[in-house]
């Protein structure tokens, strides 16, 4: 049975099988409400992909072809032109294409290497903390880009620990009593 959000699971009687366990799905129209338009912004591609993934998860698999056609209508501008020249048959193919073209190509090891940075003398602790947070976000993005669903929690935990270590080890001075708020 496909993955269905726990809130959407229900027992539904089916013809010929009165007590069969079946999943109740939302309509294609309702699923499309989850999908905001995509115009090729690199910053928005991962959110677009996540929202479309969710739409497919909560829609009856028998409607995947229809949902895919409507998802294509949410894409405009340069990406729409690029997609039109390819023979993309389903969401998995389109998702792979979008990832390859519109995501930043920085690797996980590149991002991990950035964690060796240090706080500058002129940088306040709060500025340093913000910079480490940005590095952590980029690291998480790179880590989650190709990870499997069952690896996600571990990657997020690792990223949090690396961010905290980077913050402490990168402080210019061990004296944090005079931290700016």
N, C-alpha and C. Protein backbone atom coordinates (compact mmCIF):
# COMPACT_ATOMS: atom_id res chain seq x y z
N UNK A 1 0.84 -1.17 0.00
CA UNK A 1 0.00 0.00 0.00
C UNK A 1 0.89 1.24 0.00
N UNK A 2 0.57 2.29 -0.76
CA UNK A 2 1.40 3.48 -0.81
C UNK A 2 1.41 4.19 0.54
N UNK A 3 2.44 5.00 0.76
CA UNK A 3 2.50 5.77 1.99
C UNK A 3 1.40 6.80 1.99
N UNK A 4 0.62 6.82 3.05
CA UNK A 4 -0.48 7.76 3.18
C UNK A 4 -0.33 8.42 4.54
N UNK A 5 -0.55 9.72 4.57
CA UNK A 5 -0.47 10.46 5.82
C UNK A 5 -1.42 9.82 6.83
N UNK A 6 -0.99 9.64 8.10
CA UNK A 6 -1.82 8.96 9.10
C UNK A 6 -3.21 9.58 9.26
N UNK A 7 -3.33 10.91 9.11
CA UNK A 7 -4.62 11.56 9.24
C UNK A 7 -5.57 11.21 8.11
N UNK A 8 -5.02 10.68 6.99
CA UNK A 8 -5.85 10.37 5.84
C UNK A 8 -6.26 8.90 5.79
N UNK A 9 -5.68 8.08 6.68
CA UNK A 9 -6.02 6.66 6.68
C UNK A 9 -7.43 6.47 7.21
N UNK A 10 -8.17 5.60 6.56
CA UNK A 10 -9.54 5.31 7.00
C UNK A 10 -9.94 3.95 6.49
N UNK A 11 -10.87 3.32 7.21
CA UNK A 11 -11.43 2.06 6.71
C UNK A 11 -12.59 2.42 5.81
N UNK A 12 -12.54 1.92 4.61
CA UNK A 12 -13.57 2.22 3.62
C UNK A 12 -14.03 0.90 3.04
N UNK A 13 -15.33 0.69 2.98
CA UNK A 13 -15.86 -0.54 2.38
C UNK A 13 -15.70 -0.45 0.88
N UNK A 14 -15.31 -1.55 0.27
CA UNK A 14 -15.16 -1.58 -1.18
C UNK A 14 -16.12 -2.61 -1.75
N UNK A 15 -16.50 -2.45 -3.02
CA UNK A 15 -17.41 -3.42 -3.62
C UNK A 15 -16.82 -4.82 -3.54
N UNK A 16 -17.58 -5.76 -3.04
CA UNK A 16 -17.14 -7.14 -2.98
C UNK A 16 -16.30 -7.47 -1.77
N UNK A 17 -15.93 -6.47 -0.97
CA UNK A 17 -15.12 -6.72 0.22
C UNK A 17 -15.52 -5.69 1.27
N UNK A 18 -16.45 -6.03 2.12
CA UNK A 18 -17.07 -5.09 3.04
C UNK A 18 -16.13 -4.50 4.07
N UNK A 19 -15.12 -5.22 4.49
CA UNK A 19 -14.26 -4.73 5.58
C UNK A 19 -12.82 -4.52 5.15
N UNK A 20 -12.60 -4.36 3.88
CA UNK A 20 -11.22 -4.20 3.39
C UNK A 20 -10.62 -2.88 3.88
N UNK A 21 -9.33 -2.92 4.21
CA UNK A 21 -8.62 -1.69 4.56
C UNK A 21 -8.18 -1.01 3.28
N UNK A 22 -8.66 0.20 3.09
CA UNK A 22 -8.25 0.99 1.93
C UNK A 22 -7.91 2.38 2.43
N UNK A 23 -7.14 3.10 1.69
CA UNK A 23 -6.78 4.47 2.06
C UNK A 23 -7.72 5.44 1.37
N UNK A 24 -8.09 6.48 2.08
CA UNK A 24 -8.88 7.54 1.51
C UNK A 24 -7.91 8.64 1.08
N UNK A 25 -8.02 9.08 -0.14
CA UNK A 25 -7.11 10.07 -0.69
C UNK A 25 -7.85 11.38 -0.93
N UNK A 26 -7.08 12.43 -1.13
CA UNK A 26 -7.70 13.70 -1.49
C UNK A 26 -7.75 13.79 -3.01
N UNK A 27 -8.59 14.67 -3.51
CA UNK A 27 -8.75 14.82 -4.96
C UNK A 27 -7.53 15.49 -5.57
N UNK A 28 -7.40 15.37 -6.86
CA UNK A 28 -6.31 16.02 -7.58
C UNK A 28 -6.39 17.53 -7.38
N UNK A 29 -7.60 18.07 -7.43
CA UNK A 29 -7.78 19.51 -7.22
C UNK A 29 -7.30 19.97 -5.85
N UNK A 30 -7.62 19.19 -4.82
CA UNK A 30 -7.15 19.53 -3.47
C UNK A 30 -5.64 19.39 -3.38
N UNK A 31 -5.08 18.35 -3.98
CA UNK A 31 -3.64 18.15 -3.95
C UNK A 31 -2.91 19.30 -4.64
N UNK A 32 -3.49 19.83 -5.70
CA UNK A 32 -2.85 20.94 -6.41
C UNK A 32 -2.75 22.19 -5.57
N UNK A 33 -3.60 22.32 -4.56
CA UNK A 33 -3.51 23.48 -3.67
C UNK A 33 -2.21 23.48 -2.89
N UNK A 34 -1.57 22.32 -2.79
CA UNK A 34 -0.28 22.21 -2.10
C UNK A 34 0.88 22.70 -2.95
N UNK A 35 0.65 22.82 -4.27
CA UNK A 35 1.73 23.08 -5.21
C UNK A 35 1.68 24.53 -5.68
N UNK A 36 2.62 25.33 -5.19
CA UNK A 36 2.74 26.72 -5.64
C UNK A 36 3.41 26.75 -7.01
N UNK A 37 3.19 27.80 -7.77
CA UNK A 37 3.85 27.91 -9.09
C UNK A 37 5.37 27.92 -8.96
N UNK A 38 6.03 27.41 -9.97
CA UNK A 38 7.50 27.41 -10.02
C UNK A 38 7.93 28.08 -11.32
N UNK A 39 8.80 29.10 -11.19
CA UNK A 39 9.24 29.86 -12.37
C UNK A 39 10.74 29.74 -12.61
N UNK A 40 11.39 28.82 -11.89
CA UNK A 40 12.80 28.60 -12.13
C UNK A 40 13.73 29.18 -11.08
N UNK A 41 13.19 29.65 -9.98
CA UNK A 41 14.03 30.22 -8.93
C UNK A 41 14.78 29.08 -8.23
N UNK A 42 16.08 29.15 -8.22
CA UNK A 42 16.87 28.08 -7.60
C UNK A 42 16.54 27.93 -6.12
N UNK A 43 16.21 29.02 -5.46
CA UNK A 43 15.91 28.96 -4.04
C UNK A 43 14.58 28.26 -3.77
N UNK A 44 13.69 28.22 -4.74
CA UNK A 44 12.38 27.65 -4.53
C UNK A 44 12.19 26.24 -5.03
N UNK A 45 13.19 25.69 -5.71
CA UNK A 45 13.01 24.38 -6.34
C UNK A 45 12.83 23.26 -5.33
N UNK A 46 13.55 23.27 -4.24
CA UNK A 46 13.42 22.18 -3.26
C UNK A 46 12.07 22.23 -2.55
N UNK A 47 11.56 23.43 -2.29
CA UNK A 47 10.22 23.55 -1.70
C UNK A 47 9.17 23.07 -2.70
N UNK A 48 9.33 23.43 -3.97
CA UNK A 48 8.40 22.98 -5.00
C UNK A 48 8.40 21.44 -5.07
N UNK A 49 9.58 20.86 -5.09
CA UNK A 49 9.70 19.39 -5.17
C UNK A 49 9.05 18.74 -3.95
N UNK A 50 9.31 19.26 -2.77
CA UNK A 50 8.73 18.69 -1.55
C UNK A 50 7.20 18.78 -1.58
N UNK A 51 6.68 19.90 -2.04
CA UNK A 51 5.22 20.07 -2.10
C UNK A 51 4.59 19.12 -3.12
N UNK A 52 5.25 18.94 -4.26
CA UNK A 52 4.72 18.02 -5.26
C UNK A 52 4.80 16.57 -4.73
N UNK A 53 5.89 16.23 -4.08
CA UNK A 53 6.00 14.90 -3.47
C UNK A 53 4.82 14.66 -2.51
N UNK A 54 4.51 15.65 -1.70
CA UNK A 54 3.39 15.53 -0.76
C UNK A 54 2.08 15.36 -1.52
N UNK A 55 1.89 16.13 -2.58
CA UNK A 55 0.67 16.01 -3.38
C UNK A 55 0.51 14.60 -3.93
N UNK A 56 1.60 14.01 -4.40
CA UNK A 56 1.53 12.64 -4.92
C UNK A 56 1.26 11.63 -3.80
N UNK A 57 1.78 11.89 -2.61
CA UNK A 57 1.58 10.96 -1.49
C UNK A 57 0.12 10.91 -1.05
N UNK A 58 -0.59 12.02 -1.16
CA UNK A 58 -1.96 12.08 -0.64
C UNK A 58 -3.03 11.90 -1.73
N UNK A 59 -2.57 11.62 -2.95
CA UNK A 59 -3.47 11.43 -4.08
C UNK A 59 -3.49 9.95 -4.47
N UNK A 60 -4.63 9.46 -4.85
CA UNK A 60 -4.78 8.07 -5.28
C UNK A 60 -3.79 7.79 -6.41
N UNK A 61 -2.99 6.73 -6.28
CA UNK A 61 -2.00 6.40 -7.33
C UNK A 61 -2.63 6.24 -8.72
N UNK A 62 -3.90 5.90 -8.78
CA UNK A 62 -4.56 5.78 -10.08
C UNK A 62 -4.69 7.13 -10.78
N UNK A 63 -4.53 8.22 -10.03
CA UNK A 63 -4.64 9.57 -10.59
C UNK A 63 -3.29 10.23 -10.84
N UNK A 64 -2.19 9.46 -10.74
CA UNK A 64 -0.86 10.04 -10.90
C UNK A 64 -0.66 10.72 -12.25
N UNK A 65 -1.15 10.12 -13.31
CA UNK A 65 -1.00 10.71 -14.64
C UNK A 65 -1.68 12.06 -14.75
N UNK A 66 -2.88 12.14 -14.20
CA UNK A 66 -3.63 13.41 -14.21
C UNK A 66 -2.93 14.45 -13.36
N UNK A 67 -2.51 14.05 -12.16
CA UNK A 67 -1.82 14.99 -11.28
C UNK A 67 -0.54 15.48 -11.93
N UNK A 68 0.20 14.60 -12.58
CA UNK A 68 1.44 14.99 -13.26
C UNK A 68 1.16 16.07 -14.30
N UNK A 69 0.11 15.90 -15.09
CA UNK A 69 -0.24 16.90 -16.12
C UNK A 69 -0.56 18.25 -15.49
N UNK A 70 -1.28 18.23 -14.35
CA UNK A 70 -1.60 19.49 -13.70
C UNK A 70 -0.37 20.12 -13.03
N UNK A 71 0.53 19.29 -12.50
CA UNK A 71 1.78 19.82 -11.92
C UNK A 71 2.56 20.56 -13.01
N UNK A 72 2.57 20.02 -14.21
CA UNK A 72 3.26 20.70 -15.32
C UNK A 72 2.70 22.11 -15.55
N UNK A 73 1.40 22.29 -15.31
CA UNK A 73 0.81 23.62 -15.51
C UNK A 73 1.26 24.61 -14.45
N UNK A 74 1.81 24.13 -13.35
CA UNK A 74 2.32 25.01 -12.29
C UNK A 74 3.73 25.52 -12.59
N UNK A 75 4.32 25.02 -13.66
CA UNK A 75 5.68 25.41 -14.05
C UNK A 75 5.58 26.35 -15.23
N UNK A 76 6.28 27.48 -15.13
CA UNK A 76 6.22 28.46 -16.22
C UNK A 76 7.61 29.03 -16.49
N UNK A 77 7.70 29.87 -17.49
CA UNK A 77 8.95 30.53 -17.82
C UNK A 77 9.95 29.58 -18.44
N UNK A 78 11.22 29.84 -18.16
CA UNK A 78 12.32 29.05 -18.74
C UNK A 78 12.21 27.56 -18.43
N UNK A 79 11.85 27.17 -17.18
CA UNK A 79 11.75 25.73 -16.91
C UNK A 79 10.70 25.05 -17.79
N UNK A 80 9.60 25.74 -18.05
CA UNK A 80 8.54 25.15 -18.88
C UNK A 80 9.06 24.89 -20.29
N UNK A 81 9.81 25.83 -20.82
CA UNK A 81 10.40 25.67 -22.15
C UNK A 81 11.38 24.51 -22.17
N UNK A 82 12.22 24.43 -21.15
CA UNK A 82 13.21 23.35 -21.08
C UNK A 82 12.53 21.99 -20.97
N UNK A 83 11.45 21.93 -20.21
CA UNK A 83 10.71 20.67 -20.02
C UNK A 83 10.03 20.25 -21.32
N UNK A 84 9.50 21.22 -22.06
CA UNK A 84 8.78 20.93 -23.30
C UNK A 84 9.67 20.22 -24.32
N UNK A 85 10.98 20.44 -24.25
CA UNK A 85 11.91 19.84 -25.21
C UNK A 85 12.44 18.49 -24.76
N UNK A 86 11.89 17.98 -23.69
CA UNK A 86 12.32 16.67 -23.18
C UNK A 86 11.12 15.74 -23.12
N UNK A 87 11.40 14.49 -23.10
CA UNK A 87 10.33 13.49 -23.06
C UNK A 87 10.18 12.97 -21.63
N UNK A 88 9.73 13.85 -20.74
CA UNK A 88 9.57 13.49 -19.33
C UNK A 88 8.19 12.89 -19.15
N UNK A 89 8.16 11.63 -18.72
CA UNK A 89 6.91 10.87 -18.69
C UNK A 89 6.18 10.92 -17.35
N UNK A 90 6.90 11.21 -16.26
CA UNK A 90 6.26 11.14 -14.94
C UNK A 90 6.97 12.07 -13.96
N UNK A 91 6.42 12.13 -12.75
CA UNK A 91 6.96 13.04 -11.74
C UNK A 91 8.40 12.69 -11.36
N UNK A 92 8.74 11.43 -11.24
CA UNK A 92 10.11 11.06 -10.86
C UNK A 92 11.12 11.58 -11.89
N UNK A 93 10.82 11.47 -13.16
CA UNK A 93 11.71 11.98 -14.21
C UNK A 93 11.79 13.50 -14.15
N UNK A 94 10.65 14.16 -13.96
CA UNK A 94 10.63 15.62 -13.87
C UNK A 94 11.39 16.09 -12.63
N UNK A 95 11.19 15.41 -11.52
CA UNK A 95 11.89 15.78 -10.28
C UNK A 95 13.40 15.69 -10.47
N UNK A 96 13.87 14.62 -11.08
CA UNK A 96 15.30 14.45 -11.33
C UNK A 96 15.83 15.56 -12.23
N UNK A 97 15.08 15.90 -13.25
CA UNK A 97 15.46 16.99 -14.16
C UNK A 97 15.57 18.31 -13.38
N UNK A 98 14.56 18.64 -12.57
CA UNK A 98 14.57 19.89 -11.81
C UNK A 98 15.75 19.94 -10.83
N UNK A 99 16.01 18.82 -10.17
CA UNK A 99 17.16 18.77 -9.25
C UNK A 99 18.47 19.02 -9.99
N UNK A 100 18.62 18.38 -11.13
CA UNK A 100 19.87 18.52 -11.89
C UNK A 100 20.09 19.92 -12.43
N UNK A 101 19.03 20.59 -12.81
CA UNK A 101 19.15 21.90 -13.44
C UNK A 101 19.07 23.05 -12.45
N UNK A 102 18.20 22.94 -11.44
CA UNK A 102 17.89 24.10 -10.61
C UNK A 102 18.41 24.05 -9.18
N UNK A 103 19.10 23.00 -8.78
CA UNK A 103 19.66 23.01 -7.43
C UNK A 103 21.14 23.33 -7.50
N UNK A 104 21.62 23.92 -6.43
CA UNK A 104 23.02 24.28 -6.33
C UNK A 104 23.85 23.01 -6.32
N UNK A 105 24.95 23.01 -7.02
CA UNK A 105 25.75 21.80 -7.18
C UNK A 105 26.85 21.64 -6.12
N UNK A 106 26.70 22.31 -5.01
CA UNK A 106 27.69 22.16 -3.93
C UNK A 106 27.49 20.82 -3.26
N UNK A 107 28.55 20.09 -3.08
CA UNK A 107 28.47 18.75 -2.51
C UNK A 107 28.47 18.81 -0.99
N UNK A 108 28.10 17.70 -0.40
CA UNK A 108 28.07 17.60 1.05
C UNK A 108 29.46 17.82 1.64
N UNK A 109 30.49 17.26 1.02
CA UNK A 109 31.83 17.44 1.56
C UNK A 109 32.29 18.90 1.42
N UNK A 110 31.88 19.60 0.37
CA UNK A 110 32.19 21.02 0.24
C UNK A 110 31.58 21.79 1.40
N UNK A 111 30.31 21.51 1.68
CA UNK A 111 29.61 22.21 2.77
C UNK A 111 30.23 21.86 4.12
N UNK A 112 30.58 20.60 4.32
CA UNK A 112 31.20 20.18 5.58
C UNK A 112 32.53 20.90 5.78
N UNK A 113 33.28 21.10 4.71
CA UNK A 113 34.56 21.79 4.78
C UNK A 113 34.38 23.25 5.22
N UNK A 114 33.25 23.86 4.88
CA UNK A 114 33.00 25.24 5.28
C UNK A 114 32.84 25.36 6.79
N UNK A 115 32.54 24.26 7.47
CA UNK A 115 32.39 24.29 8.91
C UNK A 115 33.73 24.55 9.62
N UNK A 116 34.83 24.57 8.90
CA UNK A 116 36.12 24.84 9.52
C UNK A 116 36.38 26.34 9.65
N UNK A 117 35.43 27.15 9.29
CA UNK A 117 35.58 28.60 9.35
C UNK A 117 35.63 29.10 10.80
N UNK A 118 36.15 30.30 10.99
CA UNK A 118 36.30 30.87 12.33
C UNK A 118 35.65 32.25 12.41
N UNK A 119 35.29 32.64 13.61
CA UNK A 119 34.75 33.96 13.86
C UNK A 119 35.86 34.99 13.67
N UNK A 120 35.56 36.09 12.99
CA UNK A 120 36.57 37.13 12.81
C UNK A 120 36.61 38.03 14.05
N UNK A 121 37.73 38.77 14.22
CA UNK A 121 37.89 39.64 15.38
C UNK A 121 36.80 40.70 15.45
N UNK A 122 36.36 41.19 14.30
CA UNK A 122 35.38 42.27 14.28
C UNK A 122 33.93 41.77 14.31
N UNK A 123 33.75 40.47 14.32
CA UNK A 123 32.41 39.88 14.27
C UNK A 123 31.89 39.62 15.68
N UNK A 124 30.69 40.11 15.97
CA UNK A 124 30.09 39.84 17.29
C UNK A 124 29.67 38.37 17.37
N UNK A 125 29.42 37.92 18.57
CA UNK A 125 28.99 36.54 18.76
C UNK A 125 27.66 36.29 18.06
N UNK A 126 26.75 37.27 18.12
CA UNK A 126 25.46 37.08 17.45
C UNK A 126 25.63 37.05 15.92
N UNK A 127 26.52 37.84 15.39
CA UNK A 127 26.80 37.78 13.94
C UNK A 127 27.42 36.44 13.57
N UNK A 128 28.33 35.98 14.42
CA UNK A 128 28.96 34.67 14.20
C UNK A 128 27.90 33.56 14.23
N UNK A 129 26.98 33.66 15.20
CA UNK A 129 25.92 32.67 15.33
C UNK A 129 25.05 32.66 14.06
N UNK A 130 24.73 33.82 13.53
CA UNK A 130 23.93 33.89 12.30
C UNK A 130 24.68 33.28 11.12
N UNK A 131 25.97 33.53 11.05
CA UNK A 131 26.77 32.96 9.95
C UNK A 131 26.82 31.44 10.05
N UNK A 132 26.98 30.92 11.26
CA UNK A 132 27.00 29.47 11.46
C UNK A 132 25.63 28.88 11.12
N UNK A 133 24.56 29.59 11.46
CA UNK A 133 23.21 29.11 11.11
C UNK A 133 23.05 28.99 9.59
N UNK A 134 23.56 29.98 8.85
CA UNK A 134 23.48 29.93 7.39
C UNK A 134 24.29 28.76 6.85
N UNK A 135 25.48 28.56 7.40
CA UNK A 135 26.30 27.42 6.98
C UNK A 135 25.57 26.11 7.27
N UNK A 136 24.95 26.05 8.45
CA UNK A 136 24.19 24.85 8.83
C UNK A 136 23.04 24.58 7.88
N UNK A 137 22.34 25.63 7.46
CA UNK A 137 21.23 25.47 6.52
C UNK A 137 21.72 24.93 5.18
N UNK A 138 22.84 25.46 4.70
CA UNK A 138 23.41 24.98 3.43
C UNK A 138 23.86 23.53 3.56
N UNK A 139 24.42 23.18 4.71
CA UNK A 139 24.85 21.81 4.95
C UNK A 139 23.65 20.86 4.93
N UNK A 140 22.59 21.25 5.63
CA UNK A 140 21.37 20.42 5.67
C UNK A 140 20.81 20.24 4.27
N UNK A 141 20.76 21.33 3.51
CA UNK A 141 20.24 21.25 2.14
C UNK A 141 21.05 20.26 1.31
N UNK A 142 22.37 20.33 1.41
CA UNK A 142 23.23 19.41 0.66
C UNK A 142 23.07 17.98 1.15
N UNK A 143 22.95 17.81 2.46
CA UNK A 143 22.83 16.47 3.04
C UNK A 143 21.51 15.80 2.64
N UNK A 144 20.44 16.57 2.60
CA UNK A 144 19.13 16.00 2.31
C UNK A 144 18.86 15.82 0.82
N UNK A 145 19.70 16.43 0.01
CA UNK A 145 19.47 16.41 -1.43
C UNK A 145 19.34 15.00 -2.00
N UNK A 146 20.19 14.10 -1.60
CA UNK A 146 20.16 12.76 -2.14
C UNK A 146 19.97 11.68 -1.08
N UNK A 147 19.52 12.07 0.11
CA UNK A 147 19.36 11.06 1.15
C UNK A 147 18.02 10.36 1.02
N UNK A 148 17.98 9.16 1.55
CA UNK A 148 16.75 8.38 1.55
C UNK A 148 15.89 8.81 2.73
N UNK A 149 14.61 8.55 2.66
CA UNK A 149 13.67 8.97 3.71
C UNK A 149 14.08 8.43 5.08
N UNK A 150 14.56 7.19 5.15
CA UNK A 150 14.93 6.62 6.45
C UNK A 150 16.26 7.17 6.99
N UNK A 151 17.00 7.92 6.17
CA UNK A 151 18.25 8.54 6.62
C UNK A 151 18.04 9.98 7.07
N UNK A 152 16.89 10.54 6.80
CA UNK A 152 16.61 11.95 7.02
C UNK A 152 16.83 12.39 8.48
N UNK A 153 16.28 11.68 9.42
CA UNK A 153 16.39 12.05 10.84
C UNK A 153 17.85 12.06 11.29
N UNK A 154 18.61 11.05 10.87
CA UNK A 154 20.03 11.00 11.23
C UNK A 154 20.82 12.15 10.63
N UNK A 155 20.50 12.50 9.39
CA UNK A 155 21.19 13.62 8.73
C UNK A 155 20.90 14.93 9.46
N UNK A 156 19.66 15.13 9.86
CA UNK A 156 19.30 16.36 10.57
C UNK A 156 19.99 16.44 11.93
N UNK A 157 20.06 15.31 12.63
CA UNK A 157 20.74 15.27 13.92
C UNK A 157 22.23 15.56 13.74
N UNK A 158 22.85 14.94 12.74
CA UNK A 158 24.27 15.18 12.46
C UNK A 158 24.52 16.65 12.13
N UNK A 159 23.67 17.22 11.30
CA UNK A 159 23.83 18.62 10.91
C UNK A 159 23.74 19.54 12.12
N UNK A 160 22.80 19.27 13.03
CA UNK A 160 22.68 20.08 14.24
C UNK A 160 23.94 19.98 15.09
N UNK A 161 24.46 18.78 15.25
CA UNK A 161 25.67 18.59 16.06
C UNK A 161 26.88 19.28 15.42
N UNK A 162 27.02 19.16 14.11
CA UNK A 162 28.12 19.83 13.42
C UNK A 162 28.03 21.35 13.55
N UNK A 163 26.81 21.87 13.42
CA UNK A 163 26.61 23.32 13.56
C UNK A 163 27.03 23.79 14.94
N UNK A 164 26.62 23.05 15.99
CA UNK A 164 26.96 23.44 17.35
C UNK A 164 28.47 23.35 17.60
N UNK A 165 29.10 22.31 17.10
CA UNK A 165 30.56 22.16 17.24
C UNK A 165 31.27 23.29 16.52
N UNK A 166 30.83 23.58 15.30
CA UNK A 166 31.43 24.66 14.51
C UNK A 166 31.32 25.98 15.25
N UNK A 167 30.17 26.24 15.84
CA UNK A 167 29.97 27.49 16.56
C UNK A 167 30.98 27.63 17.70
N UNK A 168 31.05 26.62 18.54
CA UNK A 168 31.93 26.68 19.71
C UNK A 168 33.40 26.71 19.30
N UNK A 169 33.79 25.82 18.39
CA UNK A 169 35.21 25.76 18.00
C UNK A 169 35.65 26.96 17.18
N UNK A 170 34.71 27.63 16.56
CA UNK A 170 35.06 28.77 15.72
C UNK A 170 35.06 30.10 16.43
N UNK A 171 34.67 30.12 17.72
CA UNK A 171 34.67 31.38 18.46
C UNK A 171 36.06 31.97 18.52
N UNK A 172 36.14 33.25 18.32
CA UNK A 172 37.42 33.95 18.35
C UNK A 172 38.04 33.89 19.73
N UNK A 173 37.23 34.01 20.76
CA UNK A 173 37.71 34.00 22.13
C UNK A 173 36.84 33.04 22.95
N UNK A 174 37.45 32.40 23.93
CA UNK A 174 36.69 31.54 24.83
C UNK A 174 35.83 32.36 25.79
N UNK A 175 36.11 33.64 25.89
CA UNK A 175 35.37 34.50 26.81
C UNK A 175 34.09 34.96 26.12
N UNK A 176 32.98 34.37 26.51
CA UNK A 176 31.68 34.74 25.92
C UNK A 176 30.83 35.51 26.90
N UNK A 177 31.45 36.02 27.96
CA UNK A 177 30.69 36.79 28.96
C UNK A 177 30.18 38.10 28.40
N UNK A 178 30.85 38.65 27.40
CA UNK A 178 30.46 39.94 26.85
C UNK A 178 29.71 39.78 25.54
N UNK A 179 28.90 38.77 25.44
CA UNK A 179 28.15 38.51 24.20
C UNK A 179 27.12 39.59 23.96
N UNK A 180 27.01 40.00 22.71
CA UNK A 180 25.95 40.94 22.34
C UNK A 180 24.68 40.15 22.13
N UNK A 181 23.55 40.73 22.44
CA UNK A 181 22.26 40.04 22.24
C UNK A 181 21.57 40.65 21.07
